[in-house]
Amino acid sequence: MRVLTQHRIGYSVHFIPLHQMSHFKGRPAAAARLLPVTERVAGELLSLPLFPAMTDADADRVAAAVQDAFSHV
């Protein structure tokens, strides 16, 4: 996230595990025990920019920033 911010690339962390969505509220919490990976990564998955007016140059800039981010791992 730090590298994306340095490249001025917006992102969001907003993945909501299925068993935490409103439809499933109040149901047995067993799902959380059965989905440990989902629980762990829920706050770690990033949504990158994607919009109808996005140009190839925009996409290339996002891709370059992601590549740069992974080069620091």
N, C-alpha and C. Protein backbone atom coordinates (compact mmCIF):
# COMPACT_ATOMS: atom_id res chain seq x y z
N MET A 1 0.83 -1.18 0.00
CA MET A 1 0.00 0.00 0.00
C MET A 1 0.87 1.25 0.00
N ARG A 2 1.98 1.17 0.70
CA ARG A 2 2.90 2.31 0.74
C ARG A 2 3.40 2.66 -0.65
N VAL A 3 3.80 1.65 -1.41
CA VAL A 3 4.33 1.88 -2.76
C VAL A 3 3.24 2.41 -3.69
N LEU A 4 2.04 1.87 -3.60
CA LEU A 4 0.95 2.38 -4.42
C LEU A 4 0.68 3.85 -4.09
N THR A 5 0.72 4.19 -2.81
CA THR A 5 0.52 5.58 -2.41
C THR A 5 1.62 6.47 -2.97
N GLN A 6 2.85 5.99 -2.93
CA GLN A 6 3.96 6.76 -3.49
C GLN A 6 3.77 7.02 -4.98
N HIS A 7 3.16 6.07 -5.67
CA HIS A 7 2.89 6.21 -7.11
C HIS A 7 1.57 6.96 -7.38
N ARG A 8 0.92 7.38 -6.30
CA ARG A 8 -0.37 8.09 -6.39
C ARG A 8 -1.43 7.23 -7.08
N ILE A 9 -1.44 5.95 -6.73
CA ILE A 9 -2.43 5.00 -7.22
C ILE A 9 -3.43 4.76 -6.09
N GLY A 10 -4.69 5.01 -6.35
CA GLY A 10 -5.71 4.76 -5.35
C GLY A 10 -6.00 3.28 -5.21
N TYR A 11 -6.45 2.88 -4.07
CA TYR A 11 -6.81 1.49 -3.81
C TYR A 11 -7.81 1.48 -2.66
N SER A 12 -8.46 0.36 -2.47
CA SER A 12 -9.37 0.18 -1.35
C SER A 12 -9.16 -1.19 -0.75
N VAL A 13 -9.37 -1.29 0.53
CA VAL A 13 -9.40 -2.58 1.22
C VAL A 13 -10.84 -2.73 1.67
N HIS A 14 -11.62 -3.51 0.92
CA HIS A 14 -13.04 -3.60 1.28
C HIS A 14 -13.68 -4.94 0.97
N PHE A 15 -12.89 -5.99 0.96
CA PHE A 15 -13.46 -7.32 0.75
C PHE A 15 -14.22 -7.74 2.00
N ILE A 16 -15.46 -8.09 1.83
CA ILE A 16 -16.27 -8.58 2.95
C ILE A 16 -16.51 -10.07 2.74
N PRO A 17 -16.04 -10.91 3.64
CA PRO A 17 -16.28 -12.34 3.50
C PRO A 17 -17.77 -12.63 3.42
N LEU A 18 -18.13 -13.58 2.60
CA LEU A 18 -19.53 -13.92 2.36
C LEU A 18 -20.29 -14.15 3.66
N HIS A 19 -19.69 -14.91 4.58
CA HIS A 19 -20.40 -15.25 5.81
C HIS A 19 -20.57 -14.05 6.74
N GLN A 20 -19.96 -12.90 6.41
CA GLN A 20 -20.15 -11.70 7.23
C GLN A 20 -21.16 -10.73 6.61
N MET A 21 -21.68 -11.05 5.46
CA MET A 21 -22.65 -10.18 4.80
C MET A 21 -23.99 -10.25 5.52
N SER A 22 -24.78 -9.20 5.34
CA SER A 22 -26.01 -9.05 6.10
C SER A 22 -26.97 -10.25 5.95
N HIS A 23 -27.01 -10.88 4.81
CA HIS A 23 -27.90 -12.02 4.61
C HIS A 23 -27.60 -13.15 5.60
N PHE A 24 -26.34 -13.27 5.97
CA PHE A 24 -25.93 -14.38 6.84
C PHE A 24 -25.82 -13.98 8.31
N LYS A 25 -26.05 -12.72 8.63
CA LYS A 25 -25.97 -12.27 10.03
C LYS A 25 -26.96 -13.07 10.88
N GLY A 26 -26.54 -13.41 12.08
CA GLY A 26 -27.42 -14.14 12.99
C GLY A 26 -27.42 -15.64 12.77
N ARG A 27 -26.71 -16.08 11.76
CA ARG A 27 -26.63 -17.53 11.53
C ARG A 27 -25.44 -18.07 12.32
N PRO A 28 -25.34 -19.36 12.45
CA PRO A 28 -24.24 -19.93 13.25
C PRO A 28 -22.87 -19.42 12.80
N ALA A 29 -22.04 -19.18 13.79
CA ALA A 29 -20.70 -18.66 13.52
C ALA A 29 -19.74 -19.74 13.04
N ALA A 30 -20.24 -20.94 12.83
CA ALA A 30 -19.38 -22.04 12.38
C ALA A 30 -18.69 -21.71 11.08
N ALA A 31 -19.32 -20.90 10.24
CA ALA A 31 -18.72 -20.55 8.95
C ALA A 31 -17.36 -19.90 9.14
N ALA A 32 -17.23 -19.05 10.15
CA ALA A 32 -15.95 -18.38 10.40
C ALA A 32 -14.85 -19.40 10.71
N ARG A 33 -15.21 -20.42 11.44
CA ARG A 33 -14.23 -21.46 11.76
C ARG A 33 -13.86 -22.28 10.53
N LEU A 34 -14.79 -22.37 9.57
CA LEU A 34 -14.55 -23.15 8.37
C LEU A 34 -13.85 -22.35 7.27
N LEU A 35 -13.74 -21.04 7.48
CA LEU A 35 -13.15 -20.17 6.46
C LEU A 35 -11.99 -19.36 7.03
N PRO A 36 -10.98 -20.02 7.59
CA PRO A 36 -9.89 -19.28 8.23
C PRO A 36 -9.08 -18.43 7.25
N VAL A 37 -8.92 -18.89 6.03
CA VAL A 37 -8.16 -18.11 5.04
C VAL A 37 -8.95 -16.85 4.67
N THR A 38 -10.24 -17.02 4.48
CA THR A 38 -11.11 -15.87 4.18
C THR A 38 -11.02 -14.84 5.29
N GLU A 39 -11.08 -15.29 6.52
CA GLU A 39 -10.98 -14.39 7.67
C GLU A 39 -9.64 -13.66 7.65
N ARG A 40 -8.57 -14.38 7.36
CA ARG A 40 -7.23 -13.80 7.41
C ARG A 40 -7.01 -12.76 6.32
N VAL A 41 -7.44 -13.05 5.10
CA VAL A 41 -7.12 -12.15 3.99
C VAL A 41 -8.15 -11.04 3.77
N ALA A 42 -9.24 -11.07 4.49
CA ALA A 42 -10.31 -10.08 4.28
C ALA A 42 -9.78 -8.65 4.34
N GLY A 43 -8.88 -8.37 5.24
CA GLY A 43 -8.34 -7.02 5.37
C GLY A 43 -7.07 -6.78 4.58
N GLU A 44 -6.67 -7.74 3.78
CA GLU A 44 -5.41 -7.62 3.05
C GLU A 44 -5.58 -7.52 1.54
N LEU A 45 -6.76 -7.86 1.03
CA LEU A 45 -6.98 -7.82 -0.41
C LEU A 45 -7.24 -6.39 -0.85
N LEU A 46 -6.60 -5.99 -1.93
CA LEU A 46 -6.75 -4.64 -2.44
C LEU A 46 -7.59 -4.62 -3.70
N SER A 47 -8.40 -3.60 -3.82
CA SER A 47 -9.10 -3.33 -5.08
C SER A 47 -8.33 -2.19 -5.75
N LEU A 48 -7.93 -2.43 -6.97
CA LEU A 48 -7.18 -1.43 -7.73
C LEU A 48 -8.13 -0.63 -8.61
N PRO A 49 -7.67 0.51 -9.11
CA PRO A 49 -8.53 1.33 -9.96
C PRO A 49 -9.02 0.57 -11.19
N LEU A 50 -10.30 0.76 -11.47
CA LEU A 50 -10.93 0.18 -12.64
C LEU A 50 -12.18 1.02 -12.91
N PHE A 51 -12.22 1.67 -14.05
CA PHE A 51 -13.34 2.55 -14.35
C PHE A 51 -13.51 2.66 -15.86
N PRO A 52 -14.71 2.99 -16.32
CA PRO A 52 -15.00 2.98 -17.76
C PRO A 52 -14.08 3.87 -18.59
N ALA A 53 -13.68 5.01 -18.06
CA ALA A 53 -12.84 5.93 -18.83
C ALA A 53 -11.35 5.64 -18.70
N MET A 54 -11.02 4.53 -18.06
CA MET A 54 -9.61 4.18 -17.86
C MET A 54 -8.95 3.91 -19.21
N THR A 55 -7.83 4.59 -19.44
CA THR A 55 -7.11 4.42 -20.70
C THR A 55 -6.06 3.32 -20.55
N ASP A 56 -5.50 2.92 -21.68
CA ASP A 56 -4.39 1.96 -21.63
C ASP A 56 -3.23 2.54 -20.84
N ALA A 57 -2.99 3.82 -20.98
CA ALA A 57 -1.90 4.47 -20.24
C ALA A 57 -2.18 4.41 -18.73
N ASP A 58 -3.44 4.63 -18.33
CA ASP A 58 -3.80 4.52 -16.92
C ASP A 58 -3.52 3.10 -16.41
N ALA A 59 -3.96 2.11 -17.18
CA ALA A 59 -3.77 0.71 -16.79
C ALA A 59 -2.28 0.37 -16.71
N ASP A 60 -1.50 0.89 -17.65
CA ASP A 60 -0.05 0.65 -17.64
C ASP A 60 0.58 1.26 -16.39
N ARG A 61 0.11 2.45 -15.99
CA ARG A 61 0.65 3.11 -14.80
C ARG A 61 0.32 2.32 -13.54
N VAL A 62 -0.90 1.79 -13.46
CA VAL A 62 -1.28 0.97 -12.31
C VAL A 62 -0.45 -0.32 -12.29
N ALA A 63 -0.31 -0.95 -13.44
CA ALA A 63 0.46 -2.20 -13.53
C ALA A 63 1.92 -1.96 -13.13
N ALA A 64 2.50 -0.86 -13.56
CA ALA A 64 3.88 -0.55 -13.21
C ALA A 64 4.02 -0.34 -11.71
N ALA A 65 3.05 0.32 -11.09
CA ALA A 65 3.10 0.54 -9.65
C ALA A 65 2.98 -0.78 -8.89
N VAL A 66 2.11 -1.67 -9.37
CA VAL A 66 1.97 -2.99 -8.72
C VAL A 66 3.27 -3.78 -8.86
N GLN A 67 3.86 -3.75 -10.04
CA GLN A 67 5.14 -4.44 -10.23
C GLN A 67 6.20 -3.87 -9.29
N ASP A 68 6.23 -2.55 -9.16
CA ASP A 68 7.19 -1.92 -8.25
C ASP A 68 6.93 -2.36 -6.81
N ALA A 69 5.65 -2.43 -6.42
CA ALA A 69 5.31 -2.85 -5.07
C ALA A 69 5.82 -4.26 -4.79
N PHE A 70 5.64 -5.16 -5.76
CA PHE A 70 6.08 -6.54 -5.56
C PHE A 70 7.59 -6.67 -5.60
N SER A 71 8.27 -5.73 -6.21
CA SER A 71 9.73 -5.79 -6.23
C SER A 71 10.31 -5.45 -4.87
N HIS A 72 9.50 -4.87 -3.97
CA HIS A 72 9.92 -4.51 -2.63
C HIS A 72 9.57 -5.57 -1.59
N VAL A 73 8.95 -6.67 -2.02
CA VAL A 73 8.52 -7.70 -1.07
C VAL A 73 9.67 -8.62 -0.76
